Amino acid sequence: MIIEIKIAVKPIIKKYLSSKVKTDPMILSRTNAYGIFIYNCLVRMSGKGKASLVGVDTNKYPEVLKITVSEDMWRRKGWYMHPQKQIDFNKFIAKLLDDEFHYFMDLNTQVLGHKIYGSFLQFREKFDFTEDDLPIKTMEKNYERYRLGLTA
């Protein structure tokens, strides 16, 4: 038996994850950082429990990531992911995306000598991000903060 759970995510998070692992649906596995994070967030719920998306701001997290959980994992860990853990998952993936963005930009601009604006566009193309997903202004501010050492 396969159990399907749903996690609320931002559109950019779903696109980024789709470039890394199969997400339609995502099969829960402890062989990657994403699966390990989710696995450790799952808990058992008594009775019928709560719907997984109750308590999550669907305006801020409009996309749904479907995850299949094997019967063995379901019995050992459970099937419910608390709304705060869903938000933490989004933050975790956003941090991974930021780290990859900073590495990509440093490599392109400092090592390869490419222009910053062109590198922004290349990064967006790499993940099929649109201006709505990741505006150039946001990329500029993010990279500037990183270069100044203002990100934690």
C-alpha atoms as a PDB file:
ATOM      1  CA  MET A   1       0.000   0.000   0.000  1.00  0.00           C
ATOM      2  CA  ILE A   2       1.245   3.486  -0.895  1.00  0.00           C
ATOM      3  CA  ILE A   3       0.238   6.544   1.129  1.00  0.00           C
ATOM      4  CA  GLU A   4       0.244   9.991  -0.493  1.00  0.00           C
ATOM      5  CA  ILE A   5       0.807  13.090   1.597  1.00  0.00           C
ATOM      6  CA  LYS A   6       0.697  16.702   0.447  1.00  0.00           C
ATOM      7  CA  ILE A   7       3.029  19.512   1.428  1.00  0.00           C
ATOM      8  CA  ALA A   8       2.409  23.188   0.696  1.00  0.00           C
ATOM      9  CA  VAL A   9       5.327  24.797  -1.159  1.00  0.00           C
ATOM     10  CA  LYS A  10       6.154  27.976  -3.037  1.00  0.00           C
ATOM     11  CA  PRO A  11       6.185  27.676  -6.846  1.00  0.00           C
ATOM     12  CA  ILE A  12       9.930  28.366  -7.073  1.00  0.00           C
ATOM     13  CA  ILE A  13      10.615  25.651  -4.491  1.00  0.00           C
ATOM     14  CA  LYS A  14       8.631  23.105  -6.510  1.00  0.00           C
ATOM     15  CA  LYS A  15      10.449  24.053  -9.734  1.00  0.00           C
ATOM     16  CA  TYR A  16      13.833  23.821  -8.028  1.00  0.00           C
ATOM     17  CA  LEU A  17      13.000  20.437  -6.506  1.00  0.00           C
ATOM     18  CA  SER A  18      11.748  19.216  -9.893  1.00  0.00           C
ATOM     19  CA  SER A  19      15.212  19.840 -11.315  1.00  0.00           C
ATOM     20  CA  LYS A  20      16.762  17.691  -8.585  1.00  0.00           C
ATOM     21  CA  VAL A  21      14.317  14.810  -8.020  1.00  0.00           C
ATOM     22  CA  LYS A  22      11.146  13.421  -9.540  1.00  0.00           C
ATOM     23  CA  THR A  23       8.255  15.393  -8.027  1.00  0.00           C
ATOM     24  CA  ASP A  24       5.140  14.068  -9.729  1.00  0.00           C
ATOM     25  CA  PRO A  25       4.825  12.523  -7.173  1.00  0.00           C
ATOM     26  CA  MET A  26       7.986  12.625  -5.137  1.00  0.00           C
ATOM     27  CA  ILE A  27       8.833   9.223  -3.696  1.00  0.00           C
ATOM     28  CA  LEU A  28       9.987   9.555  -0.104  1.00  0.00           C
ATOM     29  CA  SER A  29      13.520   8.247   0.170  1.00  0.00           C
ATOM     30  CA  ARG A  30      16.271   8.675   2.708  1.00  0.00           C
ATOM     31  CA  THR A  31      18.932   8.848  -0.014  1.00  0.00           C
ATOM     32  CA  ASN A  32      18.774  12.626  -0.511  1.00  0.00           C
ATOM     33  CA  ALA A  33      18.607  15.675   1.770  1.00  0.00           C
ATOM     34  CA  TYR A  34      15.004  16.470   0.802  1.00  0.00           C
ATOM     35  CA  GLY A  35      13.722  13.019   1.700  1.00  0.00           C
ATOM     36  CA  ILE A  36      15.711  12.895   4.925  1.00  0.00           C
ATOM     37  CA  PHE A  37      14.233  16.231   6.012  1.00  0.00           C
ATOM     38  CA  ILE A  38      10.666  15.138   5.249  1.00  0.00           C
ATOM     39  CA  TYR A  39      11.158  11.697   6.813  1.00  0.00           C
ATOM     40  CA  ASN A  40      12.288  13.287  10.073  1.00  0.00           C
ATOM     41  CA  CYS A  41       9.275  15.625  10.082  1.00  0.00           C
ATOM     42  CA  LEU A  42       6.639  12.906   9.752  1.00  0.00           C
ATOM     43  CA  VAL A  43       4.654  11.961  12.846  1.00  0.00           C
ATOM     44  CA  ARG A  44       1.829   9.607  13.683  1.00  0.00           C
ATOM     45  CA  MET A  45      -1.633  10.975  14.177  1.00  0.00           C
ATOM     46  CA  SER A  46      -4.223   9.201  16.273  1.00  0.00           C
ATOM     47  CA  GLY A  47      -7.506   8.363  14.575  1.00  0.00           C
ATOM     48  CA  LYS A  48      -8.129  10.094  11.282  1.00  0.00           C
ATOM     49  CA  GLY A  49      -5.908  13.025  12.221  1.00  0.00           C
ATOM     50  CA  LYS A  50      -5.747  16.324  10.395  1.00  0.00           C
ATOM     51  CA  ALA A  51      -5.502  17.135   6.719  1.00  0.00           C
ATOM     52  CA  SER A  52      -1.893  17.931   5.878  1.00  0.00           C
ATOM     53  CA  LEU A  53      -2.553  21.396   4.437  1.00  0.00           C
ATOM     54  CA  VAL A  54      -4.669  22.703   7.326  1.00  0.00           C
ATOM     55  CA  GLY A  55      -2.886  25.587   9.050  1.00  0.00           C
ATOM     56  CA  VAL A  56      -0.660  26.543   6.103  1.00  0.00           C
ATOM     57  CA  ASP A  57      -1.099  29.927   4.408  1.00  0.00           C
ATOM     58  CA  THR A  58      -2.094  28.817   0.901  1.00  0.00           C
ATOM     59  CA  ASN A  59      -1.589  32.367  -0.421  1.00  0.00           C
ATOM     60  CA  LYS A  60       2.088  32.249   0.524  1.00  0.00           C
ATOM     61  CA  TYR A  61       2.478  28.540  -0.331  1.00  0.00           C
ATOM     62  CA  PRO A  62       0.080  27.982  -3.254  1.00  0.00           C
ATOM     63  CA  GLU A  63       1.662  24.865  -4.793  1.00  0.00           C
ATOM     64  CA  VAL A  64       1.255  21.318  -3.527  1.00  0.00           C
ATOM     65  CA  LEU A  65       4.053  18.774  -3.513  1.00  0.00           C
ATOM     66  CA  LYS A  66       2.682  15.227  -3.507  1.00  0.00           C
ATOM     67  CA  ILE A  67       4.858  12.689  -1.745  1.00  0.00           C
ATOM     68  CA  THR A  68       4.342   8.944  -1.739  1.00  0.00           C
ATOM     69  CA  VAL A  69       5.286   7.114   1.429  1.00  0.00           C
ATOM     70  CA  SER A  70       5.807   3.365   1.472  1.00  0.00           C
ATOM     71  CA  GLU A  71       3.771   1.283   3.892  1.00  0.00           C
ATOM     72  CA  ASP A  72       6.907   0.430   5.845  1.00  0.00           C
ATOM     73  CA  MET A  73       7.847   4.107   6.341  1.00  0.00           C
ATOM     74  CA  TRP A  74       4.247   4.970   7.078  1.00  0.00           C
ATOM     75  CA  ARG A  75       4.106   2.377   9.853  1.00  0.00           C
ATOM     76  CA  ARG A  76       7.450   3.426  11.354  1.00  0.00           C
ATOM     77  CA  LYS A  77       7.118   7.226  11.136  1.00  0.00           C
ATOM     78  CA  GLY A  78       3.553   8.214  10.295  1.00  0.00           C
ATOM     79  CA  TRP A  79       2.020  10.340   7.566  1.00  0.00           C
ATOM     80  CA  TYR A  80       1.371  13.775   9.061  1.00  0.00           C
ATOM     81  CA  MET A  81       3.666  16.784   8.620  1.00  0.00           C
ATOM     82  CA  HIS A  82       2.911  19.726  10.906  1.00  0.00           C
ATOM     83  CA  PRO A  83       2.325  23.082   9.135  1.00  0.00           C
ATOM     84  CA  GLN A  84       5.413  24.624  10.777  1.00  0.00           C
ATOM     85  CA  LYS A  85       7.517  21.738   9.461  1.00  0.00           C
ATOM     86  CA  GLN A  86       6.154  22.431   5.962  1.00  0.00           C
ATOM     87  CA  ILE A  87       7.275  26.053   6.303  1.00  0.00           C
ATOM     88  CA  ASP A  88      10.670  24.852   7.588  1.00  0.00           C
ATOM     89  CA  PHE A  89      10.949  22.569   4.547  1.00  0.00           C
ATOM     90  CA  ASN A  90      10.367  25.562   2.257  1.00  0.00           C
ATOM     91  CA  LYS A  91      13.065  27.520   4.117  1.00  0.00           C
ATOM     92  CA  PHE A  92      15.470  24.577   3.880  1.00  0.00           C
ATOM     93  CA  ILE A  93      15.018  24.252   0.122  1.00  0.00           C
ATOM     94  CA  ALA A  94      15.236  28.055  -0.295  1.00  0.00           C
ATOM     95  CA  LYS A  95      18.583  27.993   1.541  1.00  0.00           C
ATOM     96  CA  LEU A  96      19.867  25.242  -0.757  1.00  0.00           C
ATOM     97  CA  LEU A  97      18.705  27.283  -3.755  1.00  0.00           C
ATOM     98  CA  ASP A  98      20.463  30.395  -2.418  1.00  0.00           C
ATOM     99  CA  ASP A  99      23.691  28.475  -1.857  1.00  0.00           C
ATOM    100  CA  GLU A 100      23.569  27.103  -5.397  1.00  0.00           C
ATOM    101  CA  PHE A 101      22.804  30.579  -6.755  1.00  0.00           C
ATOM    102  CA  HIS A 102      25.760  32.128  -4.924  1.00  0.00           C
ATOM    103  CA  TYR A 103      28.121  29.374  -6.068  1.00  0.00           C
ATOM    104  CA  PHE A 104      26.889  29.697  -9.663  1.00  0.00           C
ATOM    105  CA  MET A 105      27.317  33.476  -9.633  1.00  0.00           C
ATOM    106  CA  ASP A 106      30.804  33.336  -8.072  1.00  0.00           C
ATOM    107  CA  LEU A 107      31.926  30.754 -10.598  1.00  0.00           C
ATOM    108  CA  ASN A 108      30.490  32.646 -13.577  1.00  0.00           C
ATOM    109  CA  THR A 109      31.621  36.129 -12.600  1.00  0.00           C
ATOM    110  CA  GLN A 110      34.880  35.616 -10.729  1.00  0.00           C
ATOM    111  CA  VAL A 111      36.300  32.511 -12.377  1.00  0.00           C
ATOM    112  CA  LEU A 112      34.858  32.620 -15.889  1.00  0.00           C
ATOM    113  CA  GLY A 113      34.644  36.417 -16.105  1.00  0.00           C
ATOM    114  CA  HIS A 114      31.032  36.590 -17.331  1.00  0.00           C
ATOM    115  CA  LYS A 115      28.844  39.640 -16.809  1.00  0.00           C
ATOM    116  CA  ILE A 116      26.587  39.644 -13.746  1.00  0.00           C
ATOM    117  CA  TYR A 117      23.335  40.321 -15.609  1.00  0.00           C
ATOM    118  CA  GLY A 118      24.011  37.561 -18.134  1.00  0.00           C
ATOM    119  CA  SER A 119      24.797  35.167 -15.293  1.00  0.00           C
ATOM    120  CA  PHE A 120      21.456  35.992 -13.655  1.00  0.00           C
ATOM    121  CA  LEU A 121      19.692  35.046 -16.870  1.00  0.00           C
ATOM    122  CA  GLN A 122      21.728  31.845 -17.231  1.00  0.00           C
ATOM    123  CA  PHE A 123      20.844  30.805 -13.692  1.00  0.00           C
ATOM    124  CA  ARG A 124      17.142  31.361 -14.338  1.00  0.00           C
ATOM    125  CA  GLU A 125      17.346  29.360 -17.576  1.00  0.00           C
ATOM    126  CA  LYS A 126      19.096  26.507 -15.767  1.00  0.00           C
ATOM    127  CA  PHE A 127      16.003  25.931 -13.607  1.00  0.00           C
ATOM    128  CA  ASP A 128      13.377  27.255 -16.028  1.00  0.00           C
ATOM    129  CA  PHE A 129      12.521  30.113 -13.643  1.00  0.00           C
ATOM    130  CA  THR A 130      10.504  33.022 -14.975  1.00  0.00           C
ATOM    131  CA  GLU A 131      10.544  36.685 -13.944  1.00  0.00           C
ATOM    132  CA  ASP A 132       7.543  35.907 -11.719  1.00  0.00           C
ATOM    133  CA  ASP A 133       9.427  33.086  -9.993  1.00  0.00           C
ATOM    134  CA  LEU A 134      12.680  34.962  -9.468  1.00  0.00           C
ATOM    135  CA  PRO A 135      12.818  38.641 -10.483  1.00  0.00           C
ATOM    136  CA  ILE A 136      16.162  40.104 -11.569  1.00  0.00           C
ATOM    137  CA  LYS A 137      15.864  42.786  -8.840  1.00  0.00           C
ATOM    138  CA  THR A 138      15.580  40.052  -6.213  1.00  0.00           C
ATOM    139  CA  MET A 139      18.606  38.283  -7.657  1.00  0.00           C
ATOM    140  CA  GLU A 140      20.598  41.535  -7.622  1.00  0.00           C
ATOM    141  CA  LYS A 141      19.762  42.268  -3.981  1.00  0.00           C
ATOM    142  CA  ASN A 142      20.393  38.676  -2.915  1.00  0.00           C
ATOM    143  CA  TYR A 143      23.787  38.509  -4.601  1.00  0.00           C
ATOM    144  CA  GLU A 144      24.783  41.966  -3.349  1.00  0.00           C
ATOM    145  CA  ARG A 145      23.950  40.973   0.255  1.00  0.00           C
ATOM    146  CA  TYR A 146      25.910  37.765  -0.176  1.00  0.00           C
ATOM    147  CA  ARG A 147      28.962  39.598  -1.578  1.00  0.00           C
ATOM    148  CA  LEU A 148      28.852  42.069   1.307  1.00  0.00           C
ATOM    149  CA  GLY A 149      28.643  39.203   3.792  1.00  0.00           C
ATOM    150  CA  LEU A 150      25.210  40.205   5.066  1.00  0.00           C
ATOM    151  CA  THR A 151      23.549  36.808   4.662  1.00  0.00           C
ATOM    152  CA  ALA A 152      23.638  34.273   7.430  1.00  0.00           C
END
